[in-house]
C-alpha atoms as a PDB file:
ATOM      1  CA  MET A   1     -13.667   2.116 -24.428  1.00  0.00           C
ATOM      2  CA  ALA A   2     -11.433  -0.193 -24.325  1.00  0.00           C
ATOM      3  CA  TYR A   3      -8.625  -2.211 -26.751  1.00  0.00           C
ATOM      4  CA  VAL A   4     -10.136  -5.418 -26.977  1.00  0.00           C
ATOM      5  CA  ILE A   5      -8.063  -8.796 -26.700  1.00  0.00           C
ATOM      6  CA  LYS A   6      -9.194 -12.417 -27.369  1.00  0.00           C
ATOM      7  CA  ARG A   7      -7.542 -15.374 -25.515  1.00  0.00           C
ATOM      8  CA  TYR A   8      -8.081 -18.457 -26.906  1.00  0.00           C
ATOM      9  CA  SER A   9      -7.713 -22.197 -25.691  1.00  0.00           C
ATOM     10  CA  ASN A  10      -4.087 -22.390 -26.124  1.00  0.00           C
ATOM     11  CA  ARG A  11      -4.082 -20.022 -23.959  1.00  0.00           C
ATOM     12  CA  LYS A  12      -2.314 -16.918 -26.636  1.00  0.00           C
ATOM     13  CA  LEU A  13      -3.949 -13.861 -26.430  1.00  0.00           C
ATOM     14  CA  TYR A  14      -4.621 -12.019 -29.857  1.00  0.00           C
ATOM     15  CA  ASP A  15      -5.123  -8.915 -31.263  1.00  0.00           C
ATOM     16  CA  PRO A  16      -7.508  -8.583 -33.477  1.00  0.00           C
ATOM     17  CA  GLN A  17      -7.347  -4.731 -34.254  1.00  0.00           C
ATOM     18  CA  ALA A  18      -3.335  -5.636 -35.092  1.00  0.00           C
ATOM     19  CA  SER A  19      -4.121  -8.832 -36.543  1.00  0.00           C
ATOM     20  CA  ARG A  20      -1.431 -10.472 -34.497  1.00  0.00           C
ATOM     21  CA  TYR A  21      -0.780 -12.582 -31.358  1.00  0.00           C
ATOM     22  CA  VAL A  22       0.547 -10.419 -28.305  1.00  0.00           C
ATOM     23  CA  THR A  23       2.573 -11.281 -25.303  1.00  0.00           C
ATOM     24  CA  LEU A  24       1.769 -10.032 -21.032  1.00  0.00           C
ATOM     25  CA  GLU A  25       4.768  -7.886 -21.672  1.00  0.00           C
ATOM     26  CA  GLU A  26       3.448  -6.073 -24.609  1.00  0.00           C
ATOM     27  CA  LEU A  27       0.252  -6.120 -22.860  1.00  0.00           C
ATOM     28  CA  ALA A  28       1.372  -4.558 -19.722  1.00  0.00           C
ATOM     29  CA  ASP A  29       3.447  -1.385 -22.863  1.00  0.00           C
ATOM     30  CA  MET A  30      -0.012  -0.940 -24.111  1.00  0.00           C
ATOM     31  CA  ILE A  31      -1.608  -0.465 -20.318  1.00  0.00           C
ATOM     32  CA  ARG A  32       1.463   1.432 -19.765  1.00  0.00           C
ATOM     33  CA  ALA A  33       1.197   3.637 -22.572  1.00  0.00           C
ATOM     34  CA  GLY A  34      -2.688   4.269 -21.226  1.00  0.00           C
ATOM     35  CA  ARG A  35      -4.584   2.051 -23.401  1.00  0.00           C
ATOM     36  CA  GLU A  36      -7.425   0.725 -21.587  1.00  0.00           C
ATOM     37  CA  ILE A  37      -7.404  -3.409 -22.530  1.00  0.00           C
ATOM     38  CA  SER A  38     -10.504  -5.559 -22.142  1.00  0.00           C
ATOM     39  CA  VAL A  39      -9.808  -9.100 -22.835  1.00  0.00           C
ATOM     40  CA  ALA A  40     -12.335 -11.739 -23.690  1.00  0.00           C
ATOM     41  CA  ASP A  41     -12.458 -15.592 -24.002  1.00  0.00           C
ATOM     42  CA  ALA A  42     -12.599 -16.177 -27.804  1.00  0.00           C
ATOM     43  CA  SER A  43     -15.710 -19.188 -27.506  1.00  0.00           C
ATOM     44  CA  THR A  44     -17.001 -18.115 -24.307  1.00  0.00           C
ATOM     45  CA  GLY A  45     -17.000 -14.154 -24.490  1.00  0.00           C
ATOM     46  CA  GLU A  46     -16.040 -13.944 -20.992  1.00  0.00           C
ATOM     47  CA  ASP A  47     -14.187 -10.929 -20.134  1.00  0.00           C
ATOM     48  CA  LEU A  48     -10.743 -12.426 -18.457  1.00  0.00           C
ATOM     49  CA  THR A  49      -9.329  -8.909 -17.859  1.00  0.00           C
ATOM     50  CA  SER A  50      -8.551  -9.105 -14.321  1.00  0.00           C
ATOM     51  CA  VAL A  51      -7.073 -12.428 -14.890  1.00  0.00           C
ATOM     52  CA  ILE A  52      -4.820 -11.457 -17.368  1.00  0.00           C
ATOM     53  CA  LEU A  53      -3.656  -8.327 -15.200  1.00  0.00           C
ATOM     54  CA  ALA A  54      -3.254 -10.496 -12.142  1.00  0.00           C
ATOM     55  CA  GLN A  55      -1.391 -12.292 -14.470  1.00  0.00           C
ATOM     56  CA  ILE A  56       0.908  -9.152 -15.618  1.00  0.00           C
ATOM     57  CA  ILE A  57       1.443  -8.511 -11.938  1.00  0.00           C
ATOM     58  CA  LEU A  58       2.803 -12.174 -10.923  1.00  0.00           C
ATOM     59  CA  GLU A  59       5.227 -12.021 -13.740  1.00  0.00           C
ATOM     60  CA  LYS A  60       6.786  -9.170 -12.810  1.00  0.00           C
ATOM     61  CA  GLU A  61       6.726 -10.579  -9.137  1.00  0.00           C
ATOM     62  CA  LYS A  62       8.735 -13.173 -10.352  1.00  0.00           C
ATOM     63  CA  GLN A  63      11.389 -10.900 -12.289  1.00  0.00           C
ATOM     64  CA  HIS A  64      12.102 -10.417  -9.029  1.00  0.00           C
ATOM     65  CA  ASN A  65      10.230  -6.462 -10.081  1.00  0.00           C
ATOM     66  CA  SER A  66       7.970  -6.156  -6.975  1.00  0.00           C
ATOM     67  CA  THR A  67       4.830  -4.870  -7.214  1.00  0.00           C
ATOM     68  CA  LEU A  68       3.179  -4.613  -4.454  1.00  0.00           C
ATOM     69  CA  PRO A  69       4.328  -5.377  -0.826  1.00  0.00           C
ATOM     70  CA  THR A  70       4.502  -8.258   0.773  1.00  0.00           C
ATOM     71  CA  GLY A  71       2.543  -7.335   3.851  1.00  0.00           C
ATOM     72  CA  PHE A  72      -0.190  -6.225   1.075  1.00  0.00           C
ATOM     73  CA  MET A  73      -0.615  -9.601  -0.693  1.00  0.00           C
ATOM     74  CA  HIS A  74      -1.157 -11.442   2.992  1.00  0.00           C
ATOM     75  CA  GLN A  75      -3.622  -8.935   4.548  1.00  0.00           C
ATOM     76  CA  LEU A  76      -4.959  -9.403   1.478  1.00  0.00           C
ATOM     77  CA  ILE A  77      -5.487 -12.828   1.026  1.00  0.00           C
ATOM     78  CA  GLN A  78      -6.383 -13.465   4.663  1.00  0.00           C
ATOM     79  CA  TYR A  79      -9.298 -11.017   5.290  1.00  0.00           C
ATOM     80  CA  GLY A  80     -10.420 -11.640   1.575  1.00  0.00           C
ATOM     81  CA  GLU A  81     -13.232  -9.923  -0.105  1.00  0.00           C
ATOM     82  CA  ALA A  82     -13.496  -7.558   2.607  1.00  0.00           C
ATOM     83  CA  TRP A  83     -10.486  -5.979   2.367  1.00  0.00           C
ATOM     84  CA  GLN A  84     -10.046  -6.354  -1.693  1.00  0.00           C
ATOM     85  CA  ASP A  85     -12.865  -4.282  -2.214  1.00  0.00           C
ATOM     86  CA  PHE A  86     -11.870  -1.415   0.675  1.00  0.00           C
ATOM     87  CA  ALA A  87      -8.165  -1.805  -1.255  1.00  0.00           C
ATOM     88  CA  LEU A  88      -9.638  -1.977  -4.579  1.00  0.00           C
ATOM     89  CA  SER A  89     -12.221   1.176  -4.348  1.00  0.00           C
ATOM     90  CA  SER A  90      -9.033   3.110  -2.178  1.00  0.00           C
ATOM     91  CA  MET A  91      -6.923   2.804  -4.861  1.00  0.00           C
ATOM     92  CA  LYS A  92      -9.595   3.744  -7.328  1.00  0.00           C
ATOM     93  CA  THR A  93     -10.341   6.837  -6.261  1.00  0.00           C
ATOM     94  CA  HIS A  94      -6.574   7.585  -5.669  1.00  0.00           C
ATOM     95  CA  LEU A  95      -5.530   6.827  -8.902  1.00  0.00           C
ATOM     96  CA  GLU A  96      -8.802   9.047 -10.787  1.00  0.00           C
ATOM     97  CA  GLY A  97      -7.515  12.046  -8.718  1.00  0.00           C
ATOM     98  CA  MET A  98      -4.247  11.467  -9.918  1.00  0.00           C
ATOM     99  CA  MET A  99      -5.915  11.028 -13.691  1.00  0.00           C
ATOM    100  CA  THR A 100      -7.773  14.075 -13.013  1.00  0.00           C
ATOM    101  CA  SER A 101      -4.590  15.483 -11.691  1.00  0.00           C
ATOM    102  CA  GLN A 102      -2.938  15.101 -14.697  1.00  0.00           C
ATOM    103  CA  ARG A 103      -5.495  16.464 -17.521  1.00  0.00           C
ATOM    104  CA  GLU A 104      -4.887  19.698 -15.221  1.00  0.00           C
ATOM    105  CA  ALA A 105      -1.172  19.715 -15.716  1.00  0.00           C
ATOM    106  CA  ASP A 106      -1.434  18.609 -19.319  1.00  0.00           C
ATOM    107  CA  GLN A 107      -3.921  21.618 -19.647  1.00  0.00           C
ATOM    108  CA  VAL A 108      -2.128  24.205 -17.459  1.00  0.00           C
ATOM    109  CA  LEU A 109       1.096  22.615 -19.410  1.00  0.00           C
ATOM    110  CA  LYS A 110      -0.368  23.993 -23.141  1.00  0.00           C
ATOM    111  CA  ARG A 111      -1.566  27.189 -22.056  1.00  0.00           C
ATOM    112  CA  TRP A 112       2.030  28.313 -21.071  1.00  0.00           C
ATOM    113  CA  THR A 113       2.878  26.679 -23.954  1.00  0.00           C
ATOM    114  CA  ALA A 114       0.659  28.814 -26.217  1.00  0.00           C
ATOM    115  CA  ALA A 115       1.172  32.176 -24.267  1.00  0.00           C
ATOM    116  CA  LEU A 116       5.280  31.390 -24.591  1.00  0.00           C
ATOM    117  CA  GLY A 117       4.696  30.998 -28.506  1.00  0.00           C
ATOM    118  CA  TRP A 118       5.954  27.229 -28.970  1.00  0.00           C
ATOM    119  CA  LEU A 119       2.684  26.149 -30.128  1.00  0.00           C
ATOM    120  CA  PRO A 120       1.112  27.942 -33.180  1.00  0.00           C
ATOM    121  CA  SER A 121      -1.005  30.179 -31.136  1.00  0.00           C
ATOM    122  CA  SER A 122      -4.514  29.421 -32.874  1.00  0.00           C
ATOM    123  CA  GLN A 123      -4.104  25.417 -32.683  1.00  0.00           C
ATOM    124  CA  GLY A 124      -2.692  25.742 -28.580  1.00  0.00           C
ATOM    125  CA  GLN A 125      -5.451  28.322 -27.709  1.00  0.00           C
ATOM    126  CA  ALA A 126      -8.061  26.238 -29.225  1.00  0.00           C
ATOM    127  CA  ALA A 127      -7.137  23.316 -27.664  1.00  0.00           C
ATOM    128  CA  ALA A 128      -6.931  25.268 -24.264  1.00  0.00           C
ATOM    129  CA  GLU A 129     -10.439  26.499 -24.740  1.00  0.00           C
ATOM    130  CA  LYS A 130     -12.067  23.590 -25.694  1.00  0.00           C
ATOM    131  CA  ALA A 131     -10.569  21.700 -22.877  1.00  0.00           C
ATOM    132  CA  GLU A 132     -11.573  24.196 -20.386  1.00  0.00           C
ATOM    133  CA  GLU A 133     -15.259  24.544 -21.874  1.00  0.00           C
ATOM    134  CA  ILE A 134     -15.514  20.432 -21.681  1.00  0.00           C
ATOM    135  CA  GLU A 135     -14.281  20.425 -18.048  1.00  0.00           C
ATOM    136  CA  GLY A 136     -16.842  23.312 -17.821  1.00  0.00           C
ATOM    137  CA  LEU A 137     -19.537  21.664 -18.872  1.00  0.00           C
ATOM    138  CA  LYS A 138     -18.453  18.635 -17.266  1.00  0.00           C
ATOM    139  CA  ARG A 139     -18.738  20.255 -13.782  1.00  0.00           C
ATOM    140  CA  GLU A 140     -22.115  21.428 -14.785  1.00  0.00           C
ATOM    141  CA  ILE A 141     -23.537  18.097 -15.784  1.00  0.00           C
ATOM    142  CA  ALA A 142     -22.344  17.014 -12.300  1.00  0.00           C
ATOM    143  CA  GLY A 143     -24.293  19.757 -10.821  1.00  0.00           C
ATOM    144  CA  LEU A 144     -27.054  19.238 -12.491  1.00  0.00           C
ATOM    145  CA  ARG A 145     -26.878  14.994 -11.843  1.00  0.00           C
ATOM    146  CA  GLU A 146     -26.706  16.046  -7.865  1.00  0.00           C
ATOM    147  CA  GLN A 147     -30.062  18.547  -8.201  1.00  0.00           C
ATOM    148  CA  LEU A 148     -31.790  15.832  -9.875  1.00  0.00           C
ATOM    149  CA  ASP A 149     -30.814  13.161  -7.190  1.00  0.00           C
ATOM    150  CA  ALA A 150     -31.621  15.488  -4.266  1.00  0.00           C
ATOM    151  CA  LEU A 151     -34.923  16.341  -5.957  1.00  0.00           C
ATOM    152  CA  SER A 152     -35.797  12.491  -6.941  1.00  0.00           C
ATOM    153  CA  SER A 153     -34.902  12.116  -3.075  1.00  0.00           C
ATOM    154  CA  ARG A 154     -37.363  14.676  -1.420  1.00  0.00           C
ATOM    155  CA  LEU A 155     -40.509  13.345  -4.362  1.00  0.00           C
ATOM    156  CA  ASP A 156     -39.807   9.767  -2.715  1.00  0.00           C
ATOM    157  CA  GLU A 157     -39.849  11.677   0.334  1.00  0.00           C
ATOM    158  CA  GLN A 158     -43.425  13.369  -0.040  1.00  0.00           C
ATOM    159  CA  GLN A 159     -44.888  10.612  -1.918  1.00  0.00           C
ATOM    160  CA  LYS A 160     -44.376   8.712   1.081  1.00  0.00           C
END
């Protein structure tokens, strides 16, 4: 679930959970720490997350901490929405792959530390077993969804 930030008409960003105003840099730090944020207009409720994320990227560019290559930004503007859709879907796929790899690496590291006795064995072993069980259930659900989709397609074809 995303961490909700509200933006007021004076353009200030407010963190209602911490009851304080936050800066773009603090939001960037939250994101770097792995927290997913959501920014909403305080009066209308409109989702402003993508605008705020773009502002964070632009602030980095202003500080000469180039995040995106100039050629990429030119193509993004030149080819418009079609290029944006392609780039976004491609980046999403790569990021999901990286996150999956990170989770798998974390599980391997937890198992190693438990096996080496660096974690209390019952705690480390239980955590590793639960993580493996959850991953197994996720794979099983994905397989069942695929089977359900295939059966639904066959049923639709037979009804036609």
